[in-house]
């Protein structure tokens, strides 16, 4: 979501409308930037905020492991 690209927000809305699990990424702006957070309200559970790519690597890995059962169900259906 970094950069407030309108196409990205359209894709997020489409995914949410289809009931797809999402993980939203937001690179924190440098200190003094006028934009201090995403330009719309999203739930904290679905967003990863990071400053450095190394932080993102770890946080995204953890989030995807937690979402694995949901992602697997969407891919192959119920057990």
N, C-alpha and C. Protein backbone atom coordinates (compact mmCIF):
# COMPACT_ATOMS: atom_id res chain seq x y z
N UNK A 1 0.82 -1.19 0.00
CA UNK A 1 0.00 0.00 0.00
C UNK A 1 0.86 1.25 0.00
N UNK A 2 2.15 1.10 0.16
CA UNK A 2 3.05 2.24 0.17
C UNK A 2 2.92 3.00 -1.14
N UNK A 3 2.81 4.29 -1.05
CA UNK A 3 2.69 5.11 -2.25
C UNK A 3 1.25 5.42 -2.62
N UNK A 4 0.29 4.82 -1.94
CA UNK A 4 -1.14 5.09 -2.15
C UNK A 4 -1.55 4.95 -3.61
N UNK A 5 -1.16 3.84 -4.25
CA UNK A 5 -1.51 3.56 -5.63
C UNK A 5 -2.98 3.15 -5.71
N UNK A 6 -3.76 3.88 -6.49
CA UNK A 6 -5.20 3.64 -6.59
C UNK A 6 -5.50 2.22 -7.10
N UNK A 7 -4.70 1.70 -8.01
CA UNK A 7 -4.93 0.35 -8.52
C UNK A 7 -4.79 -0.70 -7.42
N UNK A 8 -3.85 -0.50 -6.52
CA UNK A 8 -3.66 -1.43 -5.41
C UNK A 8 -4.90 -1.45 -4.53
N UNK A 9 -5.46 -0.29 -4.25
CA UNK A 9 -6.66 -0.23 -3.41
C UNK A 9 -7.84 -0.88 -4.10
N UNK A 10 -7.94 -0.75 -5.41
CA UNK A 10 -8.99 -1.43 -6.16
C UNK A 10 -8.83 -2.94 -6.05
N UNK A 11 -7.60 -3.43 -6.16
CA UNK A 11 -7.35 -4.86 -6.04
C UNK A 11 -7.65 -5.37 -4.63
N UNK A 12 -7.33 -4.57 -3.61
CA UNK A 12 -7.65 -4.96 -2.24
C UNK A 12 -9.16 -5.08 -2.06
N UNK A 13 -9.89 -4.09 -2.55
CA UNK A 13 -11.36 -4.13 -2.46
C UNK A 13 -11.95 -5.33 -3.18
N UNK A 14 -11.40 -5.65 -4.34
CA UNK A 14 -11.88 -6.80 -5.10
C UNK A 14 -11.63 -8.10 -4.32
N UNK A 15 -10.42 -8.23 -3.76
CA UNK A 15 -10.09 -9.43 -2.98
C UNK A 15 -11.01 -9.55 -1.78
N UNK A 16 -11.24 -8.45 -1.07
CA UNK A 16 -12.13 -8.47 0.09
C UNK A 16 -13.55 -8.82 -0.34
N UNK A 17 -14.00 -8.27 -1.46
CA UNK A 17 -15.34 -8.55 -1.95
C UNK A 17 -15.52 -10.02 -2.31
N UNK A 18 -14.45 -10.66 -2.77
CA UNK A 18 -14.50 -12.09 -3.12
C UNK A 18 -14.23 -12.98 -1.92
N UNK A 19 -13.98 -12.37 -0.74
CA UNK A 19 -13.73 -13.14 0.46
C UNK A 19 -12.35 -13.79 0.51
N UNK A 20 -11.41 -13.24 -0.22
CA UNK A 20 -10.05 -13.80 -0.26
C UNK A 20 -9.22 -13.31 0.91
N UNK A 21 -8.42 -14.18 1.50
CA UNK A 21 -7.53 -13.72 2.57
C UNK A 21 -6.47 -12.79 1.98
N UNK A 22 -6.14 -11.75 2.71
CA UNK A 22 -5.16 -10.79 2.23
C UNK A 22 -4.15 -10.48 3.32
N UNK A 23 -2.96 -10.11 2.90
CA UNK A 23 -1.94 -9.59 3.79
C UNK A 23 -1.48 -8.28 3.15
N UNK A 24 -1.75 -7.18 3.83
CA UNK A 24 -1.43 -5.87 3.30
C UNK A 24 -0.08 -5.42 3.84
N UNK A 25 0.76 -4.88 2.97
CA UNK A 25 2.10 -4.44 3.34
C UNK A 25 2.17 -2.92 3.26
N UNK A 26 2.78 -2.34 4.27
CA UNK A 26 2.92 -0.88 4.34
C UNK A 26 4.32 -0.55 4.84
N UNK A 27 5.13 0.05 3.96
CA UNK A 27 6.45 0.50 4.40
C UNK A 27 6.28 1.85 5.09
N UNK A 28 6.74 1.92 6.34
CA UNK A 28 6.61 3.16 7.10
C UNK A 28 7.43 4.26 6.42
N UNK A 29 6.85 5.45 6.29
CA UNK A 29 7.59 6.54 5.66
C UNK A 29 8.68 7.06 6.60
N UNK A 30 9.67 7.72 6.02
CA UNK A 30 10.72 8.30 6.87
C UNK A 30 10.13 9.36 7.80
N UNK A 31 10.81 9.58 8.93
CA UNK A 31 10.36 10.62 9.86
C UNK A 31 10.18 11.95 9.14
N UNK A 32 9.13 12.64 9.50
CA UNK A 32 8.86 13.94 8.89
C UNK A 32 7.98 13.88 7.66
N UNK A 33 7.65 12.68 7.20
CA UNK A 33 6.78 12.54 6.04
C UNK A 33 5.36 12.93 6.43
N UNK A 34 4.63 13.62 5.55
CA UNK A 34 3.26 14.02 5.90
C UNK A 34 2.29 12.83 6.01
N UNK A 35 2.57 11.73 5.33
CA UNK A 35 1.69 10.56 5.36
C UNK A 35 2.25 9.57 6.38
N UNK A 36 1.60 9.44 7.53
CA UNK A 36 2.11 8.60 8.61
C UNK A 36 1.41 7.25 8.71
N UNK A 37 0.48 6.95 7.86
CA UNK A 37 -0.21 5.67 7.89
C UNK A 37 -0.97 5.46 6.61
N UNK A 38 -1.52 4.26 6.42
CA UNK A 38 -2.31 3.99 5.21
C UNK A 38 -3.45 4.99 5.09
N UNK A 39 -3.83 5.34 3.87
CA UNK A 39 -4.86 6.36 3.66
C UNK A 39 -6.29 5.89 3.91
N UNK A 40 -6.49 4.67 4.35
CA UNK A 40 -7.83 4.23 4.72
C UNK A 40 -7.72 3.23 5.86
N UNK A 41 -8.83 2.99 6.52
CA UNK A 41 -8.84 2.14 7.70
C UNK A 41 -8.84 0.67 7.30
N UNK A 42 -7.86 -0.06 7.80
CA UNK A 42 -7.82 -1.50 7.60
C UNK A 42 -7.58 -2.14 8.97
N UNK A 43 -8.00 -3.39 9.11
CA UNK A 43 -7.82 -4.05 10.39
C UNK A 43 -6.34 -4.30 10.64
N UNK A 44 -5.95 -4.22 11.88
CA UNK A 44 -4.56 -4.40 12.25
C UNK A 44 -4.07 -5.80 11.89
N UNK A 45 -4.92 -6.81 12.02
CA UNK A 45 -4.50 -8.19 11.75
C UNK A 45 -4.11 -8.43 10.30
N UNK A 46 -4.62 -7.65 9.40
CA UNK A 46 -4.35 -7.90 7.98
C UNK A 46 -3.23 -7.04 7.42
N UNK A 47 -2.56 -6.30 8.27
CA UNK A 47 -1.54 -5.36 7.76
C UNK A 47 -0.21 -5.60 8.45
N UNK A 48 0.86 -5.56 7.66
CA UNK A 48 2.21 -5.61 8.20
C UNK A 48 2.87 -4.27 7.87
N UNK A 49 3.30 -3.59 8.91
CA UNK A 49 4.05 -2.35 8.73
C UNK A 49 5.52 -2.64 8.98
N UNK A 50 6.39 -2.15 8.10
CA UNK A 50 7.81 -2.42 8.25
C UNK A 50 8.62 -1.19 7.86
N UNK A 51 9.84 -1.16 8.34
CA UNK A 51 10.77 -0.09 7.98
C UNK A 51 11.85 -0.60 7.04
N UNK A 52 12.35 -1.80 7.33
CA UNK A 52 13.45 -2.37 6.55
C UNK A 52 13.02 -3.70 5.97
N UNK A 53 13.57 -4.06 4.82
CA UNK A 53 13.16 -5.29 4.14
C UNK A 53 13.41 -6.53 5.01
N UNK A 54 14.44 -6.50 5.84
CA UNK A 54 14.70 -7.62 6.74
C UNK A 54 13.57 -7.83 7.73
N UNK A 55 12.99 -6.72 8.21
CA UNK A 55 11.83 -6.81 9.11
C UNK A 55 10.64 -7.42 8.39
N UNK A 56 10.45 -7.03 7.14
CA UNK A 56 9.34 -7.55 6.35
C UNK A 56 9.49 -9.05 6.14
N UNK A 57 10.69 -9.50 5.85
CA UNK A 57 10.94 -10.92 5.60
C UNK A 57 10.45 -11.77 6.77
N UNK A 58 10.81 -11.41 7.96
CA UNK A 58 10.42 -12.18 9.14
C UNK A 58 8.92 -12.08 9.40
N UNK A 59 8.37 -10.87 9.37
CA UNK A 59 6.95 -10.67 9.67
C UNK A 59 6.06 -11.35 8.64
N UNK A 60 6.43 -11.28 7.37
CA UNK A 60 5.62 -11.90 6.32
C UNK A 60 5.66 -13.41 6.44
N UNK A 61 6.82 -13.96 6.75
CA UNK A 61 6.92 -15.41 6.95
C UNK A 61 6.01 -15.89 8.06
N UNK A 62 6.01 -15.16 9.17
CA UNK A 62 5.15 -15.53 10.30
C UNK A 62 3.68 -15.43 9.93
N UNK A 63 3.31 -14.35 9.23
CA UNK A 63 1.90 -14.15 8.85
C UNK A 63 1.44 -15.24 7.89
N UNK A 64 2.27 -15.61 6.92
CA UNK A 64 1.87 -16.64 5.96
C UNK A 64 1.76 -18.01 6.62
N UNK A 65 2.63 -18.31 7.58
CA UNK A 65 2.51 -19.57 8.31
C UNK A 65 1.19 -19.62 9.07
N UNK A 66 0.80 -18.50 9.67
CA UNK A 66 -0.46 -18.44 10.42
C UNK A 66 -1.66 -18.56 9.48
N UNK A 67 -1.54 -18.05 8.26
CA UNK A 67 -2.65 -18.08 7.30
C UNK A 67 -2.70 -19.36 6.49
N UNK A 68 -1.70 -20.21 6.61
CA UNK A 68 -1.63 -21.40 5.77
C UNK A 68 -2.92 -22.22 5.74
N UNK A 69 -3.53 -22.52 6.88
CA UNK A 69 -4.78 -23.31 6.83
C UNK A 69 -5.88 -22.63 6.01
N UNK A 70 -5.99 -21.33 6.13
CA UNK A 70 -7.02 -20.60 5.38
C UNK A 70 -6.68 -20.60 3.89
N UNK A 71 -5.42 -20.35 3.55
CA UNK A 71 -5.00 -20.34 2.15
C UNK A 71 -5.17 -21.72 1.51
N UNK A 72 -4.85 -22.75 2.26
CA UNK A 72 -4.98 -24.12 1.75
C UNK A 72 -6.45 -24.45 1.48
N UNK A 73 -7.32 -24.04 2.38
CA UNK A 73 -8.75 -24.29 2.19
C UNK A 73 -9.28 -23.59 0.94
N UNK A 74 -8.82 -22.34 0.70
CA UNK A 74 -9.24 -21.62 -0.50
C UNK A 74 -8.72 -22.29 -1.77
N UNK A 75 -7.54 -22.89 -1.68
CA UNK A 75 -6.94 -23.51 -2.86
C UNK A 75 -7.55 -24.87 -3.20
N UNK A 76 -7.83 -25.70 -2.18
CA UNK A 76 -8.28 -27.06 -2.46
C UNK A 76 -9.66 -27.38 -1.91
N UNK A 77 -10.23 -26.49 -1.12
CA UNK A 77 -11.54 -26.75 -0.54
C UNK A 77 -11.43 -27.42 0.82
N UNK A 78 -12.56 -27.65 1.47
CA UNK A 78 -12.56 -28.26 2.79
C UNK A 78 -11.99 -29.67 2.76
N UNK A 79 -11.41 -30.10 3.89
CA UNK A 79 -10.86 -31.46 4.00
C UNK A 79 -11.94 -32.51 3.91
